[in-house]
Amino acid sequence: MQLNLLFAIDDKFADRMLVTLYSLRQNSPATNTYDVYVIQDQPLDQADRLTQILQALNMTYHPIIVGADVFADAPVSDRYPKSIYYRLLASELLPATLDKVLYLDADILVINDPTPLYRLDLSGRLYAAAMHSDFLNLTGTFNQFRLDTATPHYFNSGVLLINLARARQQVKPADIFRVIREHKNVLILPDQDVLNKLYSQDTQPVADMVYNYDVRKDLTYQTTSQGKWDLDWVVTHTVFLHYCGTKKPWLATATDKYALLYKHYQHRFAQRF
């Protein structure tokens, strides 16, 4: 099967993306091929290396260079760099021939096959994404009040299956720029907040413990499931481990069990490449 993947990185995160892709290659069918689209402000210094490594992984590197004139009308500041618009406006940046793409943050480890998520029928929705579990959905209720949305659904945008065909009809840059201008004082995670403000009702929920496991919330998952989603369950069922927050697994100070797994894949990738 052929899958379209999307990242938005700079040179500092190139190696992080490569570990994500290496883990994906190790845990998906050998017959899968991948077109990897990377949105970037300017050509990455490591472009040749990326091309060679992805080719060895049976993937194709497609740089998407965002010129200075793109989103010229967008509100931009130190807090709102142009990059916050990239995943929201992927339909404006990617080739018109694509009808679906899977966006991934570069702090994700893939430990099982993502193909079932990619095959999800999105014919009537813009996105598929996960809401991160918490007790009594307090996060969703807080964000519903903060963003004045119709539902308490608050989706994490780190794993985002995008229906590009629908997005070209429904997602308008002017709407996104308006929300940024009108709500800039209450936005905490701007691109994620905007996605939820405008499109939460057009997003298909998927299980976060499978498709966006926030490693910080391990105790919450165990408690919510009454111990069902233990480490053996995660190893068998979870597809994406998401290292949200500031304690990134590649740091020398990261020593928890999920950081150890990340460091293992990072080591194996470095051995091969």
C-alpha atoms as a PDB file:
ATOM      1  CA  MET A   1       0.000   0.000   0.000  1.00  0.00           C
ATOM      2  CA  GLN A   2       1.154   3.531  -0.720  1.00  0.00           C
ATOM      3  CA  LEU A   3       0.846   6.089   2.103  1.00  0.00           C
ATOM      4  CA  ASN A   4       1.385   9.856   2.081  1.00  0.00           C
ATOM      5  CA  LEU A   5       3.093  11.233   5.186  1.00  0.00           C
ATOM      6  CA  LEU A   6       3.521  14.858   6.223  1.00  0.00           C
ATOM      7  CA  PHE A   7       6.016  16.542   8.548  1.00  0.00           C
ATOM      8  CA  ALA A   8       6.854  20.193   9.195  1.00  0.00           C
ATOM      9  CA  ILE A   9      10.412  20.528  10.510  1.00  0.00           C
ATOM     10  CA  ASP A  10      13.655  22.446  10.357  1.00  0.00           C
ATOM     11  CA  ASP A  11      17.192  21.045  10.335  1.00  0.00           C
ATOM     12  CA  LYS A  12      17.211  20.697  14.130  1.00  0.00           C
ATOM     13  CA  PHE A  13      14.441  18.108  13.926  1.00  0.00           C
ATOM     14  CA  ALA A  14      15.624  16.224  10.848  1.00  0.00           C
ATOM     15  CA  ASP A  15      17.167  13.402  12.878  1.00  0.00           C
ATOM     16  CA  ARG A  16      14.054  13.193  15.074  1.00  0.00           C
ATOM     17  CA  MET A  17      11.903  12.749  11.983  1.00  0.00           C
ATOM     18  CA  LEU A  18      14.270  10.073  10.697  1.00  0.00           C
ATOM     19  CA  VAL A  19      13.937   8.058  13.915  1.00  0.00           C
ATOM     20  CA  THR A  20      10.150   8.309  13.566  1.00  0.00           C
ATOM     21  CA  LEU A  21      10.351   7.071   9.983  1.00  0.00           C
ATOM     22  CA  TYR A  22      12.827   4.322  10.831  1.00  0.00           C
ATOM     23  CA  SER A  23      10.500   3.027  13.562  1.00  0.00           C
ATOM     24  CA  LEU A  24       7.588   3.194  11.133  1.00  0.00           C
ATOM     25  CA  ARG A  25       9.507   1.182   8.537  1.00  0.00           C
ATOM     26  CA  GLN A  26      10.367  -1.479  11.115  1.00  0.00           C
ATOM     27  CA  ASN A  27       6.744  -1.885  12.196  1.00  0.00           C
ATOM     28  CA  SER A  28       4.745  -1.764   8.966  1.00  0.00           C
ATOM     29  CA  PRO A  29       4.385  -4.170   6.038  1.00  0.00           C
ATOM     30  CA  ALA A  30       7.448  -4.450   3.831  1.00  0.00           C
ATOM     31  CA  THR A  31       5.167  -3.980   0.820  1.00  0.00           C
ATOM     32  CA  ASN A  32       4.130  -0.491   1.962  1.00  0.00           C
ATOM     33  CA  THR A  33       5.701   2.466   0.187  1.00  0.00           C
ATOM     34  CA  TYR A  34       5.750   5.996   1.557  1.00  0.00           C
ATOM     35  CA  ASP A  35       5.802   9.447   0.022  1.00  0.00           C
ATOM     36  CA  VAL A  36       7.169  11.743   2.733  1.00  0.00           C
ATOM     37  CA  TYR A  37       6.278  15.410   2.304  1.00  0.00           C
ATOM     38  CA  VAL A  38       8.280  17.789   4.496  1.00  0.00           C
ATOM     39  CA  ILE A  39       7.128  21.393   4.788  1.00  0.00           C
ATOM     40  CA  GLN A  40      10.056  23.721   5.488  1.00  0.00           C
ATOM     41  CA  ASP A  41      10.728  27.440   5.441  1.00  0.00           C
ATOM     42  CA  GLN A  42      13.854  26.993   3.331  1.00  0.00           C
ATOM     43  CA  PRO A  43      15.651  23.987   1.849  1.00  0.00           C
ATOM     44  CA  LEU A  44      17.059  21.814   4.593  1.00  0.00           C
ATOM     45  CA  ASP A  45      20.841  21.566   4.770  1.00  0.00           C
ATOM     46  CA  GLN A  46      20.451  17.789   5.090  1.00  0.00           C
ATOM     47  CA  ALA A  47      18.323  17.383   1.957  1.00  0.00           C
ATOM     48  CA  ASP A  48      20.729  14.997   0.205  1.00  0.00           C
ATOM     49  CA  ARG A  49      21.098  12.851   3.335  1.00  0.00           C
ATOM     50  CA  LEU A  50      17.338  12.728   3.801  1.00  0.00           C
ATOM     51  CA  THR A  51      16.848  11.660   0.193  1.00  0.00           C
ATOM     52  CA  GLN A  52      19.380   8.833   0.513  1.00  0.00           C
ATOM     53  CA  ILE A  53      18.146   7.513   3.856  1.00  0.00           C
ATOM     54  CA  LEU A  54      14.487   7.598   2.838  1.00  0.00           C
ATOM     55  CA  GLN A  55      15.319   5.815  -0.392  1.00  0.00           C
ATOM     56  CA  ALA A  56      16.985   3.056   1.669  1.00  0.00           C
ATOM     57  CA  LEU A  57      13.751   2.816   3.697  1.00  0.00           C
ATOM     58  CA  ASN A  58      11.684   2.487   0.496  1.00  0.00           C
ATOM     59  CA  MET A  59      10.379   6.020   0.954  1.00  0.00           C
ATOM     60  CA  THR A  60      10.494   9.088  -1.256  1.00  0.00           C
ATOM     61  CA  TYR A  61      11.444  12.522   0.062  1.00  0.00           C
ATOM     62  CA  HIS A  62       9.334  15.441  -1.199  1.00  0.00           C
ATOM     63  CA  PRO A  63      10.469  18.846   0.130  1.00  0.00           C
ATOM     64  CA  ILE A  64       7.736  21.486   0.225  1.00  0.00           C
ATOM     65  CA  ILE A  65       9.471  24.853   0.378  1.00  0.00           C
ATOM     66  CA  VAL A  66       7.310  27.646   1.784  1.00  0.00           C
ATOM     67  CA  GLY A  67       8.231  30.872   0.053  1.00  0.00           C
ATOM     68  CA  ALA A  68       8.168  34.295   1.638  1.00  0.00           C
ATOM     69  CA  ASP A  69       4.920  35.193  -0.141  1.00  0.00           C
ATOM     70  CA  VAL A  70       2.947  32.207   1.128  1.00  0.00           C
ATOM     71  CA  PHE A  71       0.386  33.226   3.757  1.00  0.00           C
ATOM     72  CA  ALA A  72       1.455  36.850   3.340  1.00  0.00           C
ATOM     73  CA  ASP A  73      -1.813  37.972   4.968  1.00  0.00           C
ATOM     74  CA  ALA A  74      -1.376  35.729   8.007  1.00  0.00           C
ATOM     75  CA  PRO A  75      -0.876  37.290  11.426  1.00  0.00           C
ATOM     76  CA  VAL A  76       2.734  36.486  12.335  1.00  0.00           C
ATOM     77  CA  SER A  77       4.758  37.257  15.445  1.00  0.00           C
ATOM     78  CA  ASP A  78       7.335  35.617  17.713  1.00  0.00           C
ATOM     79  CA  ARG A  79       4.488  33.708  19.355  1.00  0.00           C
ATOM     80  CA  TYR A  80       2.723  32.980  16.082  1.00  0.00           C
ATOM     81  CA  PRO A  81       5.399  32.043  13.520  1.00  0.00           C
ATOM     82  CA  LYS A  82       4.310  31.152  10.025  1.00  0.00           C
ATOM     83  CA  SER A  83       4.963  27.490  10.779  1.00  0.00           C
ATOM     84  CA  ILE A  84       1.806  27.243  12.910  1.00  0.00           C
ATOM     85  CA  TYR A  85      -0.216  27.351   9.695  1.00  0.00           C
ATOM     86  CA  TYR A  86       1.509  24.496   7.910  1.00  0.00           C
ATOM     87  CA  ARG A  87      -0.552  21.516   9.071  1.00  0.00           C
ATOM     88  CA  LEU A  88      -3.756  23.572   9.123  1.00  0.00           C
ATOM     89  CA  LEU A  89      -3.241  24.664   5.529  1.00  0.00           C
ATOM     90  CA  ALA A  90      -1.655  21.500   4.182  1.00  0.00           C
ATOM     91  CA  SER A  91      -4.271  21.431   1.435  1.00  0.00           C
ATOM     92  CA  GLU A  92      -2.881  24.767   0.187  1.00  0.00           C
ATOM     93  CA  LEU A  93       0.712  23.513   0.148  1.00  0.00           C
ATOM     94  CA  LEU A  94       0.591  19.901  -1.020  1.00  0.00           C
ATOM     95  CA  PRO A  95       0.117  18.765  -4.624  1.00  0.00           C
ATOM     96  CA  ALA A  96      -3.484  18.833  -5.823  1.00  0.00           C
ATOM     97  CA  THR A  97      -3.164  15.203  -6.864  1.00  0.00           C
ATOM     98  CA  LEU A  98      -3.116  14.049  -3.205  1.00  0.00           C
ATOM     99  CA  ASP A  99      -6.426  13.239  -1.568  1.00  0.00           C
ATOM    100  CA  LYS A 100      -5.191  12.097   1.865  1.00  0.00           C
ATOM    101  CA  VAL A 101      -2.124  12.574   4.054  1.00  0.00           C
ATOM    102  CA  LEU A 102      -1.085  11.532   7.553  1.00  0.00           C
ATOM    103  CA  TYR A 103       0.606  14.309   9.507  1.00  0.00           C
ATOM    104  CA  LEU A 104       2.972  13.284  12.318  1.00  0.00           C
ATOM    105  CA  ASP A 105       4.923  15.317  14.843  1.00  0.00           C
ATOM    106  CA  ALA A 106       8.612  14.454  14.893  1.00  0.00           C
ATOM    107  CA  ASP A 107       8.539  13.410  18.577  1.00  0.00           C
ATOM    108  CA  ILE A 108       6.628  10.212  17.808  1.00  0.00           C
ATOM    109  CA  LEU A 109       7.741   6.598  17.847  1.00  0.00           C
ATOM    110  CA  VAL A 110       5.844   4.050  15.730  1.00  0.00           C
ATOM    111  CA  ILE A 111       5.631   0.634  17.398  1.00  0.00           C
ATOM    112  CA  ASN A 112       2.844  -1.044  15.383  1.00  0.00           C
ATOM    113  CA  ASP A 113       1.404  -0.834  11.874  1.00  0.00           C
ATOM    114  CA  PRO A 114      -0.268   2.539  11.065  1.00  0.00           C
ATOM    115  CA  THR A 115      -1.913   1.227   7.889  1.00  0.00           C
ATOM    116  CA  PRO A 116      -5.355   0.635   9.503  1.00  0.00           C
ATOM    117  CA  LEU A 117      -5.517   4.303  10.525  1.00  0.00           C
ATOM    118  CA  TYR A 118      -4.558   5.421   7.031  1.00  0.00           C
ATOM    119  CA  ARG A 119      -7.316   3.248   5.569  1.00  0.00           C
ATOM    120  CA  LEU A 120      -9.960   4.912   7.740  1.00  0.00           C
ATOM    121  CA  ASP A 121     -12.889   6.181   5.668  1.00  0.00           C
ATOM    122  CA  LEU A 122     -12.804   9.975   5.882  1.00  0.00           C
ATOM    123  CA  SER A 123     -15.299  10.663   3.111  1.00  0.00           C
ATOM    124  CA  GLY A 124     -17.523  12.765   5.380  1.00  0.00           C
ATOM    125  CA  ARG A 125     -14.896  14.306   7.667  1.00  0.00           C
ATOM    126  CA  LEU A 126     -11.980  16.694   7.395  1.00  0.00           C
ATOM    127  CA  TYR A 127      -9.732  14.970   9.905  1.00  0.00           C
ATOM    128  CA  ALA A 128      -9.234  11.990  12.137  1.00  0.00           C
ATOM    129  CA  ALA A 129      -7.468  12.680  15.431  1.00  0.00           C
ATOM    130  CA  ALA A 130      -7.339  11.616  19.065  1.00  0.00           C
ATOM    131  CA  MET A 131      -8.406  13.330  22.268  1.00  0.00           C
ATOM    132  CA  HIS A 132      -5.996  12.692  25.127  1.00  0.00           C
ATOM    133  CA  SER A 133      -7.635  10.857  28.007  1.00  0.00           C
ATOM    134  CA  ASP A 134      -8.068  12.401  31.421  1.00  0.00           C
ATOM    135  CA  PHE A 135     -10.387  11.922  34.351  1.00  0.00           C
ATOM    136  CA  LEU A 136     -13.918  13.287  33.753  1.00  0.00           C
ATOM    137  CA  ASN A 137     -12.734  14.973  30.510  1.00  0.00           C
ATOM    138  CA  LEU A 138     -11.684  18.053  32.458  1.00  0.00           C
ATOM    139  CA  THR A 139      -9.285  19.082  29.691  1.00  0.00           C
ATOM    140  CA  GLY A 140     -12.066  19.022  27.110  1.00  0.00           C
ATOM    141  CA  THR A 141     -14.453  20.980  29.323  1.00  0.00           C
ATOM    142  CA  PHE A 142     -11.820  23.611  30.104  1.00  0.00           C
ATOM    143  CA  ASN A 143     -10.962  24.050  26.423  1.00  0.00           C
ATOM    144  CA  GLN A 144     -14.621  24.187  25.426  1.00  0.00           C
ATOM    145  CA  PHE A 145     -15.036  27.147  27.773  1.00  0.00           C
ATOM    146  CA  ARG A 146     -11.717  28.747  26.785  1.00  0.00           C
ATOM    147  CA  LEU A 147     -12.304  28.500  23.037  1.00  0.00           C
ATOM    148  CA  ASP A 148     -16.104  28.806  23.100  1.00  0.00           C
ATOM    149  CA  THR A 149     -16.673  25.666  21.038  1.00  0.00           C
ATOM    150  CA  ALA A 150     -19.871  23.697  20.561  1.00  0.00           C
ATOM    151  CA  THR A 151     -18.496  20.452  21.980  1.00  0.00           C
ATOM    152  CA  PRO A 152     -16.016  19.455  24.732  1.00  0.00           C
ATOM    153  CA  HIS A 153     -13.949  17.538  22.177  1.00  0.00           C
ATOM    154  CA  TYR A 154     -10.352  18.766  22.182  1.00  0.00           C
ATOM    155  CA  PHE A 155      -8.146  16.939  19.699  1.00  0.00           C
ATOM    156  CA  ASN A 156      -4.382  16.655  19.756  1.00  0.00           C
ATOM    157  CA  SER A 157      -2.971  17.686  16.387  1.00  0.00           C
ATOM    158  CA  GLY A 158       0.283  15.719  16.641  1.00  0.00           C
ATOM    159  CA  VAL A 159      -1.254  12.819  14.711  1.00  0.00           C
ATOM    160  CA  LEU A 160      -3.669  14.070  12.098  1.00  0.00           C
ATOM    161  CA  LEU A 161      -5.166  12.155   9.194  1.00  0.00           C
ATOM    162  CA  ILE A 162      -6.225  14.823   6.709  1.00  0.00           C
ATOM    163  CA  ASN A 163      -8.863  14.514   4.005  1.00  0.00           C
ATOM    164  CA  LEU A 164      -7.171  16.861   1.543  1.00  0.00           C
ATOM    165  CA  ALA A 165      -9.968  16.694  -1.005  1.00  0.00           C
ATOM    166  CA  ARG A 166     -12.483  17.943   1.567  1.00  0.00           C
ATOM    167  CA  ALA A 167     -10.010  20.411   3.078  1.00  0.00           C
ATOM    168  CA  ARG A 168      -9.591  22.145  -0.277  1.00  0.00           C
ATOM    169  CA  GLN A 169     -13.313  22.904  -0.139  1.00  0.00           C
ATOM    170  CA  GLN A 170     -13.786  23.575   3.587  1.00  0.00           C
ATOM    171  CA  VAL A 171     -10.552  24.959   5.045  1.00  0.00           C
ATOM    172  CA  LYS A 172     -10.157  28.634   4.241  1.00  0.00           C
ATOM    173  CA  PRO A 173      -7.018  30.611   5.138  1.00  0.00           C
ATOM    174  CA  ALA A 174      -9.129  33.698   5.910  1.00  0.00           C
ATOM    175  CA  ASP A 175     -11.074  31.779   8.591  1.00  0.00           C
ATOM    176  CA  ILE A 176      -7.869  30.631  10.261  1.00  0.00           C
ATOM    177  CA  PHE A 177      -6.305  34.094  10.162  1.00  0.00           C
ATOM    178  CA  ARG A 178      -9.502  35.593  11.627  1.00  0.00           C
ATOM    179  CA  VAL A 179      -9.518  33.202  14.578  1.00  0.00           C
ATOM    180  CA  ILE A 180      -5.875  33.980  15.300  1.00  0.00           C
ATOM    181  CA  ARG A 181      -6.563  37.714  15.283  1.00  0.00           C
ATOM    182  CA  GLU A 182      -9.787  37.559  17.296  1.00  0.00           C
ATOM    183  CA  HIS A 183      -8.672  35.030  19.919  1.00  0.00           C
ATOM    184  CA  LYS A 184      -4.922  35.610  20.182  1.00  0.00           C
ATOM    185  CA  ASN A 185      -5.162  36.384  23.898  1.00  0.00           C
ATOM    186  CA  VAL A 186      -6.648  32.983  24.812  1.00  0.00           C
ATOM    187  CA  LEU A 187      -4.722  30.693  22.453  1.00  0.00           C
ATOM    188  CA  ILE A 188      -2.223  28.435  24.228  1.00  0.00           C
ATOM    189  CA  LEU A 189      -1.239  26.005  21.452  1.00  0.00           C
ATOM    190  CA  PRO A 190      -2.201  28.153  18.472  1.00  0.00           C
ATOM    191  CA  ASP A 191      -2.446  25.633  15.620  1.00  0.00           C
ATOM    192  CA  GLN A 192      -4.088  22.989  17.798  1.00  0.00           C
ATOM    193  CA  ASP A 193      -6.467  25.539  19.326  1.00  0.00           C
ATOM    194  CA  VAL A 194      -7.488  26.841  15.910  1.00  0.00           C
ATOM    195  CA  LEU A 195      -8.083  23.331  14.617  1.00  0.00           C
ATOM    196  CA  ASN A 196     -10.405  22.649  17.548  1.00  0.00           C
ATOM    197  CA  LYS A 197     -12.121  26.022  17.373  1.00  0.00           C
ATOM    198  CA  LEU A 198     -12.998  25.686  13.698  1.00  0.00           C
ATOM    199  CA  TYR A 199     -13.045  21.988  12.888  1.00  0.00           C
ATOM    200  CA  SER A 200     -13.606  19.817  15.979  1.00  0.00           C
ATOM    201  CA  GLN A 201     -17.114  18.970  14.781  1.00  0.00           C
ATOM    202  CA  ASP A 202     -15.674  17.827  11.441  1.00  0.00           C
ATOM    203  CA  THR A 203     -13.082  15.528  13.064  1.00  0.00           C
ATOM    204  CA  GLN A 204     -13.433  11.763  13.447  1.00  0.00           C
ATOM    205  CA  PRO A 205     -12.267  10.667  16.914  1.00  0.00           C
ATOM    206  CA  VAL A 206      -9.796   7.785  17.104  1.00  0.00           C
ATOM    207  CA  ALA A 207      -8.537   6.056  20.239  1.00  0.00           C
ATOM    208  CA  ASP A 208      -5.620   7.917  21.781  1.00  0.00           C
ATOM    209  CA  MET A 209      -4.308   4.847  23.596  1.00  0.00           C
ATOM    210  CA  VAL A 210      -3.820   3.318  20.121  1.00  0.00           C
ATOM    211  CA  TYR A 211      -3.065   6.231  17.823  1.00  0.00           C
ATOM    212  CA  ASN A 212      -1.671   8.978  20.063  1.00  0.00           C
ATOM    213  CA  TYR A 213      -0.458   7.531  23.364  1.00  0.00           C
ATOM    214  CA  ASP A 214       0.740  10.452  25.479  1.00  0.00           C
ATOM    215  CA  VAL A 215       3.602   8.901  27.441  1.00  0.00           C
ATOM    216  CA  ARG A 216       3.191  11.504  30.202  1.00  0.00           C
ATOM    217  CA  LYS A 217      -0.271  10.109  30.977  1.00  0.00           C
ATOM    218  CA  ASP A 218       0.754   6.513  31.591  1.00  0.00           C
ATOM    219  CA  LEU A 219      -0.854   6.431  35.069  1.00  0.00           C
ATOM    220  CA  THR A 220      -4.066   7.935  33.685  1.00  0.00           C
ATOM    221  CA  TYR A 221      -4.297   5.219  31.039  1.00  0.00           C
ATOM    222  CA  GLN A 222      -3.685   2.478  33.607  1.00  0.00           C
ATOM    223  CA  THR A 223      -6.269   3.898  36.005  1.00  0.00           C
ATOM    224  CA  THR A 224      -8.894   4.593  33.356  1.00  0.00           C
ATOM    225  CA  SER A 225      -8.642   1.035  32.013  1.00  0.00           C
ATOM    226  CA  GLN A 226      -8.401  -0.523  35.502  1.00  0.00           C
ATOM    227  CA  GLY A 227      -5.032  -1.946  34.560  1.00  0.00           C
ATOM    228  CA  LYS A 228      -6.038  -3.335  31.151  1.00  0.00           C
ATOM    229  CA  TRP A 229      -3.777  -1.007  29.160  1.00  0.00           C
ATOM    230  CA  ASP A 230      -0.612  -2.220  30.808  1.00  0.00           C
ATOM    231  CA  LEU A 231       2.803  -2.344  29.162  1.00  0.00           C
ATOM    232  CA  ASP A 232       2.065  -5.643  27.401  1.00  0.00           C
ATOM    233  CA  TRP A 233      -1.156  -4.146  25.994  1.00  0.00           C
ATOM    234  CA  VAL A 234       0.721  -1.058  24.752  1.00  0.00           C
ATOM    235  CA  VAL A 235       3.383  -3.157  23.038  1.00  0.00           C
ATOM    236  CA  THR A 236       0.677  -5.216  21.300  1.00  0.00           C
ATOM    237  CA  HIS A 237      -1.865  -2.538  20.366  1.00  0.00           C
ATOM    238  CA  THR A 238      -0.458   0.998  20.451  1.00  0.00           C
ATOM    239  CA  VAL A 239       0.676   2.411  17.115  1.00  0.00           C
ATOM    240  CA  PHE A 240       2.042   5.854  18.027  1.00  0.00           C
ATOM    241  CA  LEU A 241       3.871   6.731  21.227  1.00  0.00           C
ATOM    242  CA  HIS A 242       3.796  10.519  21.464  1.00  0.00           C
ATOM    243  CA  TYR A 243       6.478  12.146  23.599  1.00  0.00           C
ATOM    244  CA  CYS A 244       4.530  15.306  24.362  1.00  0.00           C
ATOM    245  CA  GLY A 245       5.871  18.049  26.589  1.00  0.00           C
ATOM    246  CA  THR A 246       9.433  19.141  27.276  1.00  0.00           C
ATOM    247  CA  LYS A 247      10.972  15.876  28.556  1.00  0.00           C
ATOM    248  CA  LYS A 248      11.980  14.564  25.164  1.00  0.00           C
ATOM    249  CA  PRO A 249      13.271  10.972  24.985  1.00  0.00           C
ATOM    250  CA  TRP A 250      16.469  11.845  23.130  1.00  0.00           C
ATOM    251  CA  LEU A 251      17.717  13.956  26.045  1.00  0.00           C
ATOM    252  CA  ALA A 252      20.396  12.449  28.284  1.00  0.00           C
ATOM    253  CA  THR A 253      18.175  13.118  31.309  1.00  0.00           C
ATOM    254  CA  ALA A 254      15.312  10.975  29.927  1.00  0.00           C
ATOM    255  CA  THR A 255      15.352   7.655  31.783  1.00  0.00           C
ATOM    256  CA  ASP A 256      11.782   6.311  31.931  1.00  0.00           C
ATOM    257  CA  LYS A 257      10.632   3.112  30.199  1.00  0.00           C
ATOM    258  CA  TYR A 258       9.289   4.855  27.105  1.00  0.00           C
ATOM    259  CA  ALA A 259      12.457   6.916  26.733  1.00  0.00           C
ATOM    260  CA  LEU A 260      14.437   3.669  26.852  1.00  0.00           C
ATOM    261  CA  LEU A 261      12.408   2.286  23.950  1.00  0.00           C
ATOM    262  CA  TYR A 262      12.975   5.489  21.951  1.00  0.00           C
ATOM    263  CA  LYS A 263      16.706   5.391  22.667  1.00  0.00           C
ATOM    264  CA  HIS A 264      16.777   1.790  21.418  1.00  0.00           C
ATOM    265  CA  TYR A 265      15.324   2.809  18.032  1.00  0.00           C
ATOM    266  CA  GLN A 266      17.576   5.854  17.927  1.00  0.00           C
ATOM    267  CA  HIS A 267      20.589   3.584  18.512  1.00  0.00           C
ATOM    268  CA  ARG A 268      19.504   1.083  15.846  1.00  0.00           C
ATOM    269  CA  PHE A 269      18.947   3.887  13.351  1.00  0.00           C
ATOM    270  CA  ALA A 270      22.405   5.328  14.065  1.00  0.00           C
ATOM    271  CA  GLN A 271      23.961   1.880  13.611  1.00  0.00           C
ATOM    272  CA  ARG A 272      22.394   1.526  10.170  1.00  0.00           C
ATOM    273  CA  PHE A 273      22.898   5.059   8.921  1.00  0.00           C
END
